[in-house]
Amino acid sequence: MAYIDGFVLAVPTANKAKFLEHAHMGDAICIEHGALRVVECWGDDVPHGKQTDFHRAVAAKDDEAVLFSWIEWPDKATRDAGMQKMMEDPRMNPENNPMPFDGKRMIYGGFVPVVELKS
């Protein structure tokens, strides 16, 4: 069964091009290490809520966009092995490939799909 890693982060709008370059490189490494698909979504219609919302979740500033991203893996075992390889991959080292956003405010987690509908 598939396994999903989900991410929400805030990226300075001025760093959009840098983020896209960073994502293309990093996402290709995910695929190389077993991911089936990686999707990066730049916030377009992300409302502010009354009690909580995506902006608050990542402490987004006025000059930042909220991103919602996920990595689809064939199963958790492939994900665990792939993530281990990615962490060891020198191309993912922040000194070689600095993140164009504040990684401390990124939220992420691993998820087991429980419902999937397709047309």
N, C-alpha and C. Protein backbone atom coordinates (compact mmCIF):
# COMPACT_ATOMS: atom_id res chain seq x y z
N MET A 1 0.83 -1.18 0.00
CA MET A 1 0.00 0.00 0.00
C MET A 1 0.88 1.24 0.00
N ALA A 2 0.45 2.27 -0.71
CA ALA A 2 1.21 3.51 -0.83
C ALA A 2 1.44 4.15 0.53
N TYR A 3 2.44 5.00 0.58
CA TYR A 3 2.76 5.76 1.79
C TYR A 3 3.03 7.19 1.34
N ILE A 4 2.55 8.16 2.12
CA ILE A 4 2.66 9.57 1.74
C ILE A 4 3.42 10.35 2.80
N ASP A 5 4.39 11.13 2.39
CA ASP A 5 5.02 12.13 3.25
C ASP A 5 4.41 13.46 2.85
N GLY A 6 3.87 14.20 3.83
CA GLY A 6 3.25 15.49 3.56
C GLY A 6 4.02 16.61 4.23
N PHE A 7 4.02 17.78 3.60
CA PHE A 7 4.78 18.93 4.07
C PHE A 7 3.96 20.21 3.89
N VAL A 8 4.08 21.12 4.84
CA VAL A 8 3.57 22.47 4.69
C VAL A 8 4.71 23.39 5.13
N LEU A 9 4.99 24.41 4.33
CA LEU A 9 6.08 25.33 4.64
C LEU A 9 5.78 26.71 4.11
N ALA A 10 6.52 27.67 4.63
CA ALA A 10 6.41 29.06 4.17
C ALA A 10 7.68 29.42 3.44
N VAL A 11 7.51 30.00 2.25
CA VAL A 11 8.66 30.39 1.42
C VAL A 11 8.53 31.87 1.09
N PRO A 12 9.58 32.66 1.32
CA PRO A 12 9.52 34.06 0.91
C PRO A 12 9.18 34.14 -0.59
N THR A 13 8.22 34.98 -0.93
CA THR A 13 7.82 35.09 -2.33
C THR A 13 8.99 35.51 -3.21
N ALA A 14 9.92 36.26 -2.65
CA ALA A 14 11.11 36.67 -3.41
C ALA A 14 12.00 35.48 -3.74
N ASN A 15 11.83 34.36 -3.04
CA ASN A 15 12.66 33.17 -3.27
C ASN A 15 11.96 32.11 -4.11
N LYS A 16 10.90 32.47 -4.81
CA LYS A 16 10.16 31.46 -5.58
C LYS A 16 11.06 30.75 -6.59
N ALA A 17 11.84 31.47 -7.35
CA ALA A 17 12.71 30.84 -8.35
C ALA A 17 13.74 29.94 -7.67
N LYS A 18 14.32 30.41 -6.56
CA LYS A 18 15.29 29.59 -5.82
C LYS A 18 14.61 28.34 -5.27
N PHE A 19 13.37 28.48 -4.78
CA PHE A 19 12.66 27.31 -4.27
C PHE A 19 12.42 26.30 -5.38
N LEU A 20 11.98 26.77 -6.54
CA LEU A 20 11.71 25.85 -7.65
C LEU A 20 12.97 25.10 -8.07
N GLU A 21 14.09 25.79 -8.11
CA GLU A 21 15.36 25.15 -8.45
C GLU A 21 15.71 24.09 -7.38
N HIS A 22 15.57 24.46 -6.13
CA HIS A 22 15.84 23.55 -5.01
C HIS A 22 14.91 22.34 -5.09
N ALA A 23 13.63 22.58 -5.34
CA ALA A 23 12.65 21.50 -5.40
C ALA A 23 12.92 20.55 -6.56
N HIS A 24 13.22 21.09 -7.73
CA HIS A 24 13.51 20.22 -8.89
C HIS A 24 14.67 19.29 -8.59
N MET A 25 15.70 19.81 -7.97
CA MET A 25 16.86 18.99 -7.65
C MET A 25 16.50 17.95 -6.59
N GLY A 26 15.91 18.40 -5.49
CA GLY A 26 15.58 17.49 -4.39
C GLY A 26 14.52 16.47 -4.76
N ASP A 27 13.54 16.89 -5.53
CA ASP A 27 12.47 15.97 -5.93
C ASP A 27 13.01 14.88 -6.86
N ALA A 28 13.95 15.24 -7.71
CA ALA A 28 14.57 14.22 -8.59
C ALA A 28 15.32 13.18 -7.75
N ILE A 29 15.92 13.63 -6.66
CA ILE A 29 16.62 12.69 -5.77
C ILE A 29 15.61 11.77 -5.09
N CYS A 30 14.44 12.29 -4.72
CA CYS A 30 13.38 11.45 -4.14
C CYS A 30 12.99 10.34 -5.12
N ILE A 31 12.79 10.72 -6.36
CA ILE A 31 12.42 9.75 -7.39
C ILE A 31 13.54 8.72 -7.57
N GLU A 32 14.76 9.20 -7.60
CA GLU A 32 15.92 8.33 -7.74
C GLU A 32 15.99 7.29 -6.61
N HIS A 33 15.52 7.68 -5.43
CA HIS A 33 15.59 6.79 -4.27
C HIS A 33 14.26 6.08 -3.98
N GLY A 34 13.37 6.01 -4.98
CA GLY A 34 12.20 5.16 -4.86
C GLY A 34 10.84 5.81 -4.83
N ALA A 35 10.75 7.13 -4.74
CA ALA A 35 9.44 7.79 -4.73
C ALA A 35 8.77 7.61 -6.09
N LEU A 36 7.45 7.48 -6.06
CA LEU A 36 6.68 7.37 -7.30
C LEU A 36 6.35 8.74 -7.88
N ARG A 37 6.14 9.70 -6.99
CA ARG A 37 5.68 11.01 -7.43
C ARG A 37 5.96 12.02 -6.33
N VAL A 38 6.30 13.25 -6.74
CA VAL A 38 6.47 14.36 -5.82
C VAL A 38 5.66 15.52 -6.37
N VAL A 39 4.88 16.16 -5.50
CA VAL A 39 4.05 17.29 -5.92
C VAL A 39 4.37 18.48 -5.01
N GLU A 40 4.69 19.60 -5.62
CA GLU A 40 4.96 20.85 -4.90
C GLU A 40 3.88 21.84 -5.31
N CYS A 41 3.14 22.38 -4.35
CA CYS A 41 2.03 23.28 -4.64
C CYS A 41 2.26 24.63 -3.98
N TRP A 42 2.31 25.69 -4.80
CA TRP A 42 2.49 27.06 -4.32
C TRP A 42 1.11 27.60 -3.96
N GLY A 43 0.95 28.12 -2.74
CA GLY A 43 -0.35 28.59 -2.28
C GLY A 43 -0.97 29.61 -3.21
N ASP A 44 -2.24 29.40 -3.52
CA ASP A 44 -2.97 30.28 -4.42
C ASP A 44 -4.24 30.82 -3.75
N ASP A 45 -4.96 29.96 -3.07
CA ASP A 45 -6.20 30.32 -2.40
C ASP A 45 -6.15 29.72 -1.00
N VAL A 46 -5.36 30.34 -0.13
CA VAL A 46 -5.11 29.82 1.21
C VAL A 46 -5.69 30.82 2.21
N PRO A 47 -6.94 30.60 2.62
CA PRO A 47 -7.60 31.58 3.49
C PRO A 47 -7.04 31.58 4.90
N HIS A 48 -7.16 32.73 5.53
CA HIS A 48 -6.84 32.86 6.95
C HIS A 48 -8.07 32.43 7.73
N GLY A 49 -7.89 31.55 8.70
CA GLY A 49 -9.00 31.06 9.50
C GLY A 49 -9.21 31.90 10.75
N LYS A 50 -10.29 31.59 11.45
CA LYS A 50 -10.58 32.30 12.70
C LYS A 50 -9.81 31.70 13.87
N GLN A 51 -9.59 30.39 13.83
CA GLN A 51 -8.91 29.74 14.94
C GLN A 51 -7.55 29.17 14.54
N THR A 52 -7.49 28.55 13.38
CA THR A 52 -6.22 28.00 12.89
C THR A 52 -6.25 27.97 11.36
N ASP A 53 -5.09 27.86 10.76
CA ASP A 53 -5.00 27.80 9.30
C ASP A 53 -3.58 27.42 8.90
N PHE A 54 -3.36 27.27 7.61
CA PHE A 54 -2.03 26.92 7.11
C PHE A 54 -1.00 28.00 7.44
N HIS A 55 -1.41 29.28 7.35
CA HIS A 55 -0.48 30.38 7.64
C HIS A 55 0.06 30.28 9.06
N ARG A 56 -0.84 30.07 10.01
CA ARG A 56 -0.43 29.97 11.41
C ARG A 56 0.40 28.72 11.66
N ALA A 57 0.07 27.65 10.97
CA ALA A 57 0.79 26.38 11.19
C ALA A 57 2.28 26.53 10.94
N VAL A 58 2.65 27.38 9.98
CA VAL A 58 4.07 27.55 9.64
C VAL A 58 4.58 28.96 9.95
N ALA A 59 3.78 29.71 10.71
CA ALA A 59 4.14 31.09 11.08
C ALA A 59 4.54 31.91 9.86
N ALA A 60 3.72 31.80 8.80
CA ALA A 60 4.01 32.53 7.56
C ALA A 60 3.91 34.03 7.78
N LYS A 61 4.87 34.74 7.20
CA LYS A 61 4.91 36.20 7.27
C LYS A 61 4.17 36.76 6.05
N ASP A 62 3.91 38.05 6.08
CA ASP A 62 3.17 38.69 4.98
C ASP A 62 3.84 38.53 3.63
N ASP A 63 5.17 38.44 3.62
CA ASP A 63 5.90 38.34 2.36
C ASP A 63 6.24 36.88 2.00
N GLU A 64 5.50 35.93 2.58
CA GLU A 64 5.76 34.51 2.32
C GLU A 64 4.52 33.83 1.76
N ALA A 65 4.75 32.86 0.91
CA ALA A 65 3.68 32.00 0.39
C ALA A 65 3.69 30.69 1.17
N VAL A 66 2.50 30.12 1.33
CA VAL A 66 2.38 28.82 1.97
C VAL A 66 2.43 27.75 0.88
N LEU A 67 3.26 26.73 1.11
CA LEU A 67 3.35 25.62 0.16
C LEU A 67 2.85 24.34 0.81
N PHE A 68 2.21 23.52 0.00
CA PHE A 68 1.70 22.22 0.42
C PHE A 68 2.30 21.22 -0.56
N SER A 69 3.01 20.25 -0.03
CA SER A 69 3.74 19.31 -0.89
C SER A 69 3.58 17.90 -0.36
N TRP A 70 3.75 16.93 -1.25
CA TRP A 70 3.76 15.55 -0.80
C TRP A 70 4.62 14.68 -1.69
N ILE A 71 5.09 13.61 -1.07
CA ILE A 71 5.87 12.59 -1.78
C ILE A 71 5.08 11.30 -1.68
N GLU A 72 4.84 10.67 -2.80
CA GLU A 72 4.14 9.39 -2.82
C GLU A 72 5.16 8.27 -3.01
N TRP A 73 5.14 7.32 -2.09
CA TRP A 73 6.02 6.16 -2.14
C TRP A 73 5.18 4.91 -2.37
N PRO A 74 5.77 3.84 -2.90
CA PRO A 74 4.98 2.62 -3.11
C PRO A 74 4.55 1.97 -1.80
N ASP A 75 5.34 2.14 -0.74
CA ASP A 75 5.03 1.56 0.57
C ASP A 75 5.96 2.18 1.60
N LYS A 76 5.70 1.91 2.87
CA LYS A 76 6.49 2.52 3.95
C LYS A 76 7.93 2.01 3.95
N ALA A 77 8.13 0.74 3.64
CA ALA A 77 9.50 0.21 3.62
C ALA A 77 10.35 0.93 2.58
N THR A 78 9.78 1.18 1.40
CA THR A 78 10.51 1.91 0.35
C THR A 78 10.76 3.34 0.81
N ARG A 79 9.79 3.93 1.47
CA ARG A 79 9.95 5.30 2.00
C ARG A 79 11.07 5.35 3.03
N ASP A 80 11.05 4.42 3.97
CA ASP A 80 12.07 4.44 5.01
C ASP A 80 13.47 4.29 4.41
N ALA A 81 13.63 3.36 3.48
CA ALA A 81 14.93 3.16 2.82
C ALA A 81 15.30 4.37 1.97
N GLY A 82 14.33 4.91 1.24
CA GLY A 82 14.59 6.07 0.38
C GLY A 82 14.95 7.30 1.17
N MET A 83 14.26 7.54 2.28
CA MET A 83 14.58 8.70 3.12
C MET A 83 15.97 8.55 3.74
N GLN A 84 16.32 7.35 4.15
CA GLN A 84 17.66 7.12 4.69
C GLN A 84 18.73 7.44 3.64
N LYS A 85 18.50 6.97 2.41
CA LYS A 85 19.45 7.25 1.32
C LYS A 85 19.53 8.75 1.04
N MET A 86 18.38 9.43 1.09
CA MET A 86 18.36 10.87 0.84
C MET A 86 19.15 11.62 1.90
N MET A 87 18.99 11.22 3.16
CA MET A 87 19.71 11.89 4.25
C MET A 87 21.22 11.69 4.13
N GLU A 88 21.63 10.60 3.51
CA GLU A 88 23.05 10.31 3.31
C GLU A 88 23.58 10.86 1.99
N ASP A 89 22.70 11.30 1.12
CA ASP A 89 23.09 11.78 -0.20
C ASP A 89 23.73 13.16 -0.08
N PRO A 90 24.99 13.32 -0.51
CA PRO A 90 25.67 14.63 -0.36
C PRO A 90 24.97 15.77 -1.10
N ARG A 91 24.17 15.46 -2.10
CA ARG A 91 23.44 16.52 -2.82
C ARG A 91 22.36 17.15 -1.94
N MET A 92 21.94 16.45 -0.89
CA MET A 92 20.92 16.97 0.02
C MET A 92 21.51 17.70 1.22
N ASN A 93 22.83 17.72 1.33
CA ASN A 93 23.49 18.40 2.44
C ASN A 93 23.18 19.90 2.37
N PRO A 94 22.64 20.48 3.45
CA PRO A 94 22.29 21.90 3.43
C PRO A 94 23.47 22.83 3.13
N GLU A 95 24.68 22.38 3.38
CA GLU A 95 25.84 23.21 3.04
C GLU A 95 26.03 23.28 1.52
N ASN A 96 25.71 22.18 0.83
CA ASN A 96 25.82 22.14 -0.63
C ASN A 96 24.55 22.66 -1.30
N ASN A 97 23.43 22.51 -0.63
CA ASN A 97 22.13 22.83 -1.21
C ASN A 97 21.26 23.52 -0.15
N PRO A 98 21.54 24.78 0.18
CA PRO A 98 20.79 25.45 1.25
C PRO A 98 19.31 25.63 0.89
N MET A 99 18.47 25.45 1.90
CA MET A 99 17.03 25.61 1.70
C MET A 99 16.70 27.10 1.57
N PRO A 100 15.91 27.48 0.56
CA PRO A 100 15.54 28.90 0.39
C PRO A 100 14.32 29.27 1.25
N PHE A 101 14.21 28.66 2.43
CA PHE A 101 13.12 28.92 3.36
C PHE A 101 13.59 28.49 4.75
N ASP A 102 12.83 28.85 5.76
CA ASP A 102 13.17 28.50 7.14
C ASP A 102 12.66 27.10 7.43
N GLY A 103 13.53 26.12 7.39
CA GLY A 103 13.16 24.73 7.61
C GLY A 103 12.64 24.45 9.01
N LYS A 104 12.94 25.32 9.96
CA LYS A 104 12.45 25.13 11.34
C LYS A 104 10.94 25.31 11.43
N ARG A 105 10.36 26.03 10.46
CA ARG A 105 8.91 26.27 10.47
C ARG A 105 8.15 25.30 9.57
N MET A 106 8.84 24.39 8.92
CA MET A 106 8.19 23.40 8.08
C MET A 106 7.54 22.34 8.97
N ILE A 107 6.33 21.94 8.62
CA ILE A 107 5.71 20.83 9.31
C ILE A 107 5.62 19.66 8.33
N TYR A 108 5.76 18.46 8.85
CA TYR A 108 5.77 17.29 7.97
C TYR A 108 5.35 16.06 8.74
N GLY A 109 4.99 15.04 8.00
CA GLY A 109 4.63 13.78 8.63
C GLY A 109 4.42 12.71 7.58
N GLY A 110 4.41 11.47 8.04
CA GLY A 110 4.15 10.33 7.18
C GLY A 110 2.74 9.83 7.39
N PHE A 111 2.08 9.45 6.29
CA PHE A 111 0.66 9.10 6.34
C PHE A 111 0.36 7.84 5.56
N VAL A 112 -0.54 7.04 6.11
CA VAL A 112 -1.03 5.85 5.43
C VAL A 112 -2.38 6.21 4.80
N PRO A 113 -2.52 6.10 3.49
CA PRO A 113 -3.81 6.41 2.86
C PRO A 113 -4.91 5.46 3.38
N VAL A 114 -6.06 6.03 3.67
CA VAL A 114 -7.19 5.23 4.12
C VAL A 114 -8.39 5.29 3.18
N VAL A 115 -8.43 6.32 2.33
CA VAL A 115 -9.46 6.44 1.31
C VAL A 115 -8.80 6.97 0.06
N GLU A 116 -9.11 6.40 -1.07
CA GLU A 116 -8.61 6.90 -2.36
C GLU A 116 -9.68 6.70 -3.40
N LEU A 117 -10.08 7.78 -4.06
CA LEU A 117 -11.07 7.71 -5.13
C LEU A 117 -10.41 8.19 -6.41
N LYS A 118 -10.73 7.56 -7.50
CA LYS A 118 -10.21 7.98 -8.80
C LYS A 118 -11.36 8.02 -9.79
N SER A 119 -11.23 8.91 -10.77
CA SER A 119 -12.27 8.97 -11.80
C SER A 119 -11.95 8.02 -12.92
